[in-house]
Amino acid sequence: MIINCQTERTGTTRTYLYPNDGNKATNAFWDYMLTSKGGNYRGNSKVICDLFNEPQCGPNWTTWQNAYNGLISYIRSTLGVTSNQLWADADNFAASLSGCPGLTDSAGHLVYSFHHPASGPGGDTAGWATDFGNWAGSHQVVNGEFAQNSSFNWGSPYEIQHYLSYCASIGVGHTIWTVYGDNYFSDSNDKPYGWWGHMINNFWNPGNGWQTYCFRSSVKWSQNYIMKNDNQLSWSDGLYQGWSPLATSGGSMVAGVAAFNSFTADMATGTKYRMHVSFRCVYPDNGSMTAVVGVHGVTSSSPPASFTSIVPRATNIAELANLQQYDWCNVDIPSSYLSQFASGYYTGIVFGPGPNSDAIYQGHLSFTPEVVIEVHA
């Protein structure tokens, strides 16, 4: 069990920026939780004390160090708590341990905590090393708030798996703070729900028989097509689907197609599958859009010249409605198609065609979609 001290607030206002900043509430909280005055968790090795939530010292590491060392001394010496593990959040909302001067714990049970690490396309190993990885080389470190929603962390399965693998390689664990659908940041309509929970469970519970594979770097090509004349569309800043009244598309439905390298080698390791397409919608002209998703089986290294020459092809096999600007979204590929991906009959994803009426309805995907495949041995 982790007890988190949030004495930084008075009501809904964040008033106190670090432990005992102008008040004695932090000491009083731990006095109550750790002694017979209240929780009496002193000496219970299964109880972790997260000392103070997301301090804001300027950032100023000297102020942070003095505040935390004083609180640690109070807990260890005054309260006589010697066996409980203590967590200390990094300065500046626990954003980074870069420049951390370290703390003194007489009991030697101290862990440094960071929250909501940043990332970039494809992951950010160098940034993670600066923010917490280098410090973890000689100290115990934990991600005290691992979140998955539109305001923190990322919607990219590839980046999340890369991040989890990086943390595992340096011995950094996590606690889950908030995930998609909790409405904490009014993002209850964000998708997905399924792959996030599956990925975490598969990664942290390898005995469940499921293995997660994320495909983004294996994309061979992506191409937009105009339904009116059946030809390639020259737009190159992402994939489109829907209806475009622009002259460059001849006033027509448009469809985007992505081709991947073979999934068969990974899928051959099992006989049961789950498959998801993950993408980010960045330009719905009318405020929202519906992603219309299909599959195709083109194996060539370059895109076909026309949409009708994409064979085999099955369009409109799944839909996801009400996508908003910057939504990260996920569509499950129906199970009836999965064995055909395993056999190599299908190799990629089709977006659209979209509506068949004259409406301003462009769905613009910021980059080639990612495919998440779960394989059960």
Protein backbone atom coordinates (compact mmCIF):
# COMPACT_ATOMS: atom_id res chain seq x y z
CA MET A 1 0.00 0.00 0.00
CA ILE A 2 1.22 3.49 -0.85
CA ILE A 3 0.14 6.45 1.30
CA ASN A 4 0.47 9.73 -0.56
CA CYS A 5 0.64 12.99 1.41
CA GLN A 6 -1.24 15.82 -0.30
CA THR A 7 -0.96 18.59 2.27
CA GLU A 8 -0.10 21.01 -0.53
CA ARG A 9 -3.72 22.12 -0.76
CA THR A 10 -6.18 24.13 1.24
CA GLY A 11 -9.52 23.08 -0.18
CA THR A 12 -9.13 23.08 -3.96
CA THR A 13 -6.26 25.59 -4.00
CA ARG A 14 -2.61 24.55 -4.09
CA THR A 15 -1.15 26.72 -1.33
CA TYR A 16 1.96 24.99 -0.01
CA LEU A 17 4.72 24.23 -2.47
CA TYR A 18 6.92 21.79 -0.54
CA PRO A 19 6.95 19.91 2.81
CA ASN A 20 6.02 22.23 5.68
CA ASP A 21 6.09 25.31 3.50
CA GLY A 22 4.60 27.76 6.00
CA ASN A 23 2.54 25.13 7.83
CA LYS A 24 2.97 22.00 9.91
CA ALA A 25 0.40 19.93 8.08
CA THR A 26 2.91 17.54 6.50
CA ASN A 27 4.49 16.53 9.80
CA ALA A 28 1.06 16.26 11.40
CA PHE A 29 -0.16 14.02 8.56
CA TRP A 30 2.68 11.53 8.99
CA ASP A 31 2.45 11.67 12.77
CA TYR A 32 -1.18 10.60 12.44
CA MET A 33 -0.67 7.97 9.74
CA LEU A 34 2.41 6.31 11.22
CA THR A 35 1.71 6.27 14.96
CA SER A 36 -1.02 5.07 17.28
CA LYS A 37 -2.71 8.44 16.91
CA GLY A 38 -4.23 7.16 13.68
CA GLY A 39 -3.12 4.63 11.08
CA ASN A 40 -0.28 3.16 13.15
CA TYR A 41 1.50 1.99 9.98
CA ARG A 42 4.95 2.46 11.52
CA GLY A 43 6.98 -0.70 11.08
CA ASN A 44 4.65 -2.22 8.48
CA SER A 45 7.04 -3.07 5.64
CA LYS A 46 4.10 -3.39 3.21
CA VAL A 47 3.25 0.31 3.59
CA ILE A 48 5.16 2.88 1.50
CA CYS A 49 5.18 6.56 2.45
CA ASP A 50 5.03 8.93 -0.54
CA LEU A 51 6.27 11.93 1.40
CA PHE A 52 4.77 14.95 -0.40
CA ASN A 53 2.90 15.27 -3.68
CA GLU A 54 4.67 17.08 -6.54
CA PRO A 55 6.69 19.81 -4.81
CA GLN A 56 7.30 23.16 -6.49
CA CYS A 57 10.46 24.74 -5.18
CA GLY A 58 11.15 27.14 -8.00
CA PRO A 59 12.54 24.75 -9.24
CA ASN A 60 15.30 25.05 -6.68
CA TRP A 61 17.11 21.86 -5.70
CA THR A 62 18.58 23.39 -2.52
CA THR A 63 15.13 24.33 -1.19
CA TRP A 64 13.86 20.89 -2.20
CA GLN A 65 16.78 19.12 -0.51
CA ASN A 66 16.42 21.02 2.75
CA ALA A 67 12.63 20.50 2.88
CA TYR A 68 12.81 16.77 2.20
CA ASN A 69 15.81 16.10 4.45
CA GLY A 70 13.95 17.81 7.28
CA LEU A 71 10.86 15.68 6.72
CA ILE A 72 12.87 12.45 6.41
CA SER A 73 14.70 13.23 9.66
CA TYR A 74 11.39 13.91 11.39
CA ILE A 75 9.96 10.56 10.27
CA ARG A 76 13.08 8.50 11.01
CA SER A 77 14.27 10.17 14.23
CA THR A 78 11.28 11.86 15.87
CA LEU A 79 8.64 9.28 14.93
CA GLY A 80 11.04 6.33 15.07
CA VAL A 81 9.98 4.97 11.68
CA THR A 82 12.91 2.92 10.40
CA SER A 83 11.53 0.12 8.21
CA ASN A 84 8.92 1.80 5.98
CA GLN A 85 10.12 2.71 2.49
CA LEU A 86 9.95 6.44 1.71
CA TRP A 87 9.32 8.01 -1.72
CA ALA A 88 10.53 11.53 -2.53
CA ASP A 89 9.00 13.29 -5.56
CA ALA A 90 11.38 15.25 -7.77
CA ASP A 91 11.10 19.03 -7.85
CA ASN A 92 8.88 20.92 -10.32
CA PHE A 93 5.81 18.66 -10.13
CA ALA A 94 8.10 15.60 -10.05
CA ALA A 95 8.99 16.22 -13.68
CA SER A 96 12.68 15.28 -13.75
CA LEU A 97 15.53 14.09 -11.54
CA SER A 98 18.10 15.88 -13.68
CA GLY A 99 20.32 17.90 -11.34
CA CYS A 100 19.02 16.22 -8.21
CA PRO A 101 21.51 16.65 -5.32
CA GLY A 102 20.24 13.60 -3.44
CA LEU A 103 18.81 13.16 0.05
CA THR A 104 19.94 11.56 3.30
CA ASP A 105 17.98 8.66 4.76
CA SER A 106 19.50 7.10 7.85
CA ALA A 107 17.48 3.91 7.29
CA GLY A 108 18.55 3.51 3.67
CA HIS A 109 15.00 2.88 2.39
CA LEU A 110 14.56 5.86 0.07
CA VAL A 111 13.17 5.83 -3.48
CA TYR A 112 13.11 8.84 -5.82
CA SER A 113 9.88 9.37 -7.75
CA PHE A 114 9.08 11.12 -11.05
CA HIS A 115 5.67 11.67 -12.67
CA HIS A 116 4.36 11.79 -16.26
CA PRO A 117 7.56 11.50 -18.32
CA ALA A 118 7.67 13.26 -21.66
CA SER A 119 8.16 11.53 -24.98
CA GLY A 120 8.58 12.16 -28.67
CA PRO A 121 7.93 10.27 -31.89
CA GLY A 122 9.36 6.79 -31.56
CA GLY A 123 10.15 7.25 -27.91
CA ASP A 124 12.74 9.48 -26.27
CA THR A 125 15.47 7.32 -24.76
CA ALA A 126 17.89 10.25 -24.47
CA GLY A 127 15.28 12.40 -22.71
CA TRP A 128 14.29 9.57 -20.38
CA ALA A 129 17.93 9.01 -19.49
CA THR A 130 18.29 12.69 -18.59
CA ASP A 131 15.06 12.84 -16.60
CA PHE A 132 15.40 9.63 -14.60
CA GLY A 133 17.47 6.91 -16.27
CA ASN A 134 20.90 8.27 -15.35
CA TRP A 135 19.81 8.79 -11.74
CA ALA A 136 18.44 5.25 -11.65
CA GLY A 137 21.94 3.96 -12.37
CA SER A 138 22.91 4.60 -8.75
CA HIS A 139 19.61 5.17 -6.92
CA GLN A 140 16.24 3.50 -6.57
CA VAL A 141 13.70 5.21 -8.83
CA VAL A 142 9.97 4.75 -9.55
CA ASN A 143 7.43 6.35 -11.87
CA GLY A 144 5.02 7.37 -9.13
CA GLU A 145 2.27 8.45 -11.53
CA PHE A 146 2.06 6.60 -14.83
CA ALA A 147 -0.89 8.00 -16.74
CA GLN A 148 -2.56 7.26 -20.04
CA ASN A 149 -4.92 9.93 -21.32
CA SER A 150 -4.90 12.87 -23.68
CA SER A 151 -3.26 15.24 -21.19
CA PHE A 152 -0.39 13.06 -19.95
CA ASN A 153 1.94 10.63 -21.67
CA TRP A 154 1.00 9.33 -25.08
CA GLY A 155 -1.60 7.53 -27.11
CA SER A 156 0.97 5.74 -29.26
CA PRO A 157 1.21 2.01 -28.46
CA TYR A 158 4.69 1.90 -29.99
CA GLU A 159 5.97 4.68 -27.72
CA ILE A 160 4.37 3.17 -24.63
CA GLN A 161 5.86 -0.26 -25.27
CA HIS A 162 9.24 1.32 -25.96
CA TYR A 163 8.97 3.25 -22.68
CA LEU A 164 8.01 0.16 -20.67
CA SER A 165 10.92 -1.78 -22.15
CA TYR A 166 13.33 1.04 -21.36
CA CYS A 167 12.16 1.22 -17.75
CA ALA A 168 12.40 -2.56 -17.35
CA SER A 169 15.98 -2.48 -18.63
CA ILE A 170 17.04 -0.06 -15.86
CA GLY A 171 14.87 -1.46 -13.06
CA VAL A 172 12.29 1.35 -12.86
CA GLY A 173 8.75 0.37 -11.88
CA HIS A 174 5.42 2.22 -12.01
CA THR A 175 2.22 2.95 -10.20
CA ILE A 176 -0.87 3.65 -12.29
CA TRP A 177 -2.44 7.06 -11.70
CA THR A 178 -5.17 7.45 -14.29
CA VAL A 179 -6.09 5.83 -17.60
CA TYR A 180 -8.36 6.39 -20.57
CA GLY A 181 -12.03 6.79 -19.83
CA ASP A 182 -11.76 8.05 -16.26
CA ASN A 183 -13.08 11.51 -17.25
CA TYR A 184 -10.43 13.18 -15.07
CA PHE A 185 -9.59 15.58 -17.87
CA SER A 186 -12.99 15.34 -19.57
CA ASP A 187 -11.60 12.82 -22.03
CA SER A 188 -13.98 9.95 -21.38
CA ASN A 189 -14.69 9.76 -25.13
CA ASP A 190 -11.04 9.18 -25.96
CA LYS A 191 -10.17 5.78 -27.31
CA PRO A 192 -8.92 3.15 -26.76
CA TYR A 193 -9.77 1.29 -23.62
CA GLY A 194 -8.77 -2.24 -24.62
CA TRP A 195 -5.22 -2.21 -25.93
CA TRP A 196 -3.88 -0.09 -23.06
CA GLY A 197 -5.04 -2.53 -20.40
CA HIS A 198 -4.01 -5.51 -22.51
CA MET A 199 -0.53 -4.11 -23.15
CA ILE A 200 0.12 -3.38 -19.48
CA ASN A 201 -1.20 -6.77 -18.42
CA ASN A 202 0.80 -8.62 -21.05
CA PHE A 203 3.98 -6.74 -20.14
CA TRP A 204 3.68 -7.10 -16.38
CA ASN A 205 2.05 -10.53 -16.37
CA PRO A 206 3.97 -12.56 -18.96
CA GLY A 207 2.53 -15.78 -17.58
CA ASN A 208 -0.88 -14.97 -19.09
CA GLY A 209 0.24 -16.37 -22.44
CA TRP A 210 -0.28 -13.16 -24.46
CA GLN A 211 2.51 -11.28 -26.24
CA THR A 212 2.06 -7.74 -27.60
CA TYR A 213 3.65 -6.61 -30.87
CA CYS A 214 3.54 -2.98 -32.05
CA PHE A 215 4.14 -2.15 -35.70
CA ARG A 216 5.03 1.32 -36.85
CA SER A 217 8.60 1.23 -38.07
CA SER A 218 7.66 -1.70 -40.32
CA VAL A 219 5.44 0.48 -42.55
CA LYS A 220 6.38 0.00 -46.21
CA TRP A 221 4.32 2.82 -47.71
CA SER A 222 1.21 4.92 -47.30
CA GLN A 223 -0.88 6.55 -50.00
CA ASN A 224 -4.04 8.64 -50.42
CA TYR A 225 -6.52 7.93 -53.22
CA ILE A 226 -9.28 9.91 -54.96
CA MET A 227 -12.45 7.90 -55.47
CA LYS A 228 -13.74 10.09 -58.30
CA ASN A 229 -10.94 9.30 -60.73
CA ASP A 230 -9.50 6.28 -58.88
CA ASN A 231 -5.99 7.80 -58.85
CA GLN A 232 -3.39 8.62 -56.23
CA LEU A 233 -3.81 11.86 -54.30
CA SER A 234 -0.68 14.02 -54.03
CA TRP A 235 -1.18 15.12 -50.40
CA SER A 236 1.75 13.77 -48.43
CA ASP A 237 1.29 15.16 -44.91
CA GLY A 238 -0.71 12.22 -43.57
CA LEU A 239 -3.49 9.84 -44.49
CA TYR A 240 -6.96 11.12 -45.34
CA GLN A 241 -10.40 9.58 -45.46
CA GLY A 242 -13.82 11.10 -46.03
CA TRP A 243 -15.10 13.69 -48.51
CA SER A 244 -13.05 16.58 -49.81
CA PRO A 245 -14.60 19.41 -51.89
CA LEU A 246 -11.14 20.78 -52.74
CA ALA A 247 -10.15 21.14 -56.36
CA THR A 248 -7.01 19.05 -55.83
CA SER A 249 -9.20 16.02 -55.21
CA GLY A 250 -11.82 16.81 -57.82
CA GLY A 251 -14.59 17.01 -55.20
CA SER A 252 -14.60 13.38 -54.21
CA MET A 253 -14.37 10.81 -51.47
CA VAL A 254 -10.80 10.14 -50.41
CA ALA A 255 -9.24 7.07 -48.86
CA GLY A 256 -5.88 6.42 -47.19
CA VAL A 257 -3.99 3.14 -47.39
CA ALA A 258 -1.03 1.90 -45.31
CA ALA A 259 1.04 -1.18 -46.11
CA PHE A 260 3.16 -3.00 -43.54
CA ASN A 261 5.86 -5.61 -43.66
CA SER A 262 4.69 -9.13 -42.88
CA PHE A 263 3.00 -9.89 -39.56
CA THR A 264 3.09 -13.63 -40.16
CA ALA A 265 6.33 -14.44 -38.35
CA ASP A 266 5.08 -12.94 -35.09
CA MET A 267 1.58 -14.31 -35.46
CA ALA A 268 2.97 -17.78 -36.18
CA THR A 269 4.02 -18.02 -32.52
CA GLY A 270 0.40 -18.51 -31.47
CA THR A 271 -3.08 -19.48 -32.56
CA LYS A 272 -5.25 -16.81 -30.90
CA TYR A 273 -5.04 -13.12 -31.75
CA ARG A 274 -6.29 -9.64 -30.96
CA MET A 275 -5.59 -6.84 -33.43
CA HIS A 276 -6.02 -3.10 -33.08
CA VAL A 277 -5.32 -0.10 -35.29
CA SER A 278 -4.15 2.99 -33.43
CA PHE A 279 -4.00 6.46 -35.00
CA ARG A 280 -4.30 10.14 -34.22
CA CYS A 281 -6.96 12.32 -35.83
CA VAL A 282 -5.70 15.87 -36.33
CA TYR A 283 -7.97 17.46 -38.94
CA PRO A 284 -11.69 16.70 -38.95
CA ASP A 285 -13.07 19.64 -40.95
CA ASN A 286 -16.53 19.64 -39.41
CA GLY A 287 -15.38 19.22 -35.80
CA SER A 288 -15.65 15.44 -35.65
CA MET A 289 -15.33 12.45 -37.91
CA THR A 290 -15.99 8.75 -38.17
CA ALA A 291 -13.03 6.53 -39.00
CA VAL A 292 -14.03 3.91 -41.54
CA VAL A 293 -11.47 1.12 -41.41
CA GLY A 294 -10.78 -1.77 -43.78
CA VAL A 295 -7.96 -4.15 -44.71
CA HIS A 296 -5.96 -5.01 -47.83
CA GLY A 297 -3.45 -7.56 -49.04
CA VAL A 298 -1.01 -5.67 -51.27
CA THR A 299 2.47 -7.17 -50.94
CA SER A 300 4.40 -4.94 -53.34
CA SER A 301 7.01 -2.49 -52.06
CA SER A 302 5.24 0.49 -53.67
CA PRO A 303 1.61 1.65 -53.66
CA PRO A 304 -0.70 0.69 -56.53
CA ALA A 305 -1.52 3.47 -59.00
CA SER A 306 -5.27 3.21 -58.40
CA PHE A 307 -7.55 2.31 -55.51
CA THR A 308 -9.41 -0.38 -57.45
CA SER A 309 -6.14 -2.20 -58.12
CA ILE A 310 -5.69 -2.76 -54.38
CA VAL A 311 -6.53 -6.46 -54.27
CA PRO A 312 -7.50 -8.16 -52.04
CA ARG A 313 -9.40 -5.41 -50.25
CA ALA A 314 -12.22 -5.29 -47.73
CA THR A 315 -13.47 -1.80 -46.80
CA ASN A 316 -15.78 -0.57 -44.07
CA ILE A 317 -15.26 -3.56 -41.78
CA ALA A 318 -15.13 -1.40 -38.64
CA GLU A 319 -16.03 2.16 -37.66
CA LEU A 320 -15.24 4.55 -34.83
CA ALA A 321 -17.46 7.63 -34.54
CA ASN A 322 -17.21 11.10 -32.99
CA LEU A 323 -13.45 11.52 -33.28
CA GLN A 324 -12.29 14.96 -32.23
CA GLN A 325 -9.23 17.04 -33.01
CA TYR A 326 -6.05 15.42 -31.60
CA ASP A 327 -7.85 12.29 -30.40
CA TRP A 328 -5.77 9.17 -30.17
CA CYS A 329 -8.11 6.43 -31.28
CA ASN A 330 -8.21 2.70 -31.67
CA VAL A 331 -10.29 0.36 -33.78
CA ASP A 332 -10.44 -3.38 -33.19
CA ILE A 333 -10.13 -5.45 -36.35
CA PRO A 334 -12.97 -8.01 -36.34
CA SER A 335 -11.80 -11.46 -35.32
CA SER A 336 -12.96 -13.02 -38.59
CA TYR A 337 -10.05 -11.29 -40.42
CA LEU A 338 -7.23 -12.18 -38.03
CA SER A 339 -6.31 -15.61 -39.35
CA GLN A 340 -5.96 -14.04 -42.80
CA PHE A 341 -3.37 -11.60 -41.42
CA ALA A 342 -1.57 -14.56 -39.87
CA SER A 343 -1.51 -16.34 -43.23
CA GLY A 344 -0.30 -13.23 -45.07
CA TYR A 345 -3.47 -12.82 -47.13
CA TYR A 346 -4.01 -9.38 -45.58
CA THR A 347 -1.04 -7.08 -44.99
CA GLY A 348 -2.30 -3.57 -44.28
CA ILE A 349 -4.99 -1.07 -43.37
CA VAL A 350 -7.46 1.00 -45.41
CA PHE A 351 -9.10 4.20 -44.09
CA GLY A 352 -12.31 4.88 -45.95
CA PRO A 353 -13.77 5.57 -48.33
CA GLY A 354 -15.85 7.90 -46.23
CA PRO A 355 -19.35 9.35 -46.72
CA ASN A 356 -20.87 9.36 -50.18
CA SER A 357 -22.39 12.83 -49.98
CA ASP A 358 -21.02 16.31 -50.59
CA ALA A 359 -19.94 17.30 -47.09
CA ILE A 360 -16.82 18.91 -45.66
CA TYR A 361 -15.59 15.78 -44.00
CA GLN A 362 -11.87 15.32 -44.18
CA GLY A 363 -10.35 12.95 -41.66
CA HIS A 364 -6.63 13.67 -41.52
CA LEU A 365 -4.40 11.20 -39.68
CA SER A 366 -1.16 12.72 -38.44
CA PHE A 367 0.98 9.78 -39.52
CA THR A 368 0.72 6.22 -40.70
CA PRO A 369 -1.41 4.22 -38.26
CA GLU A 370 0.14 1.79 -35.83
CA VAL A 371 -0.95 -1.80 -35.65
CA VAL A 372 -1.04 -3.61 -32.32
CA ILE A 373 -1.20 -7.40 -32.49
CA GLU A 374 -1.58 -9.60 -29.44
CA VAL A 375 -0.66 -13.24 -29.90
CA HIS A 376 -1.51 -16.03 -27.49
CA ALA A 377 0.89 -18.96 -27.50
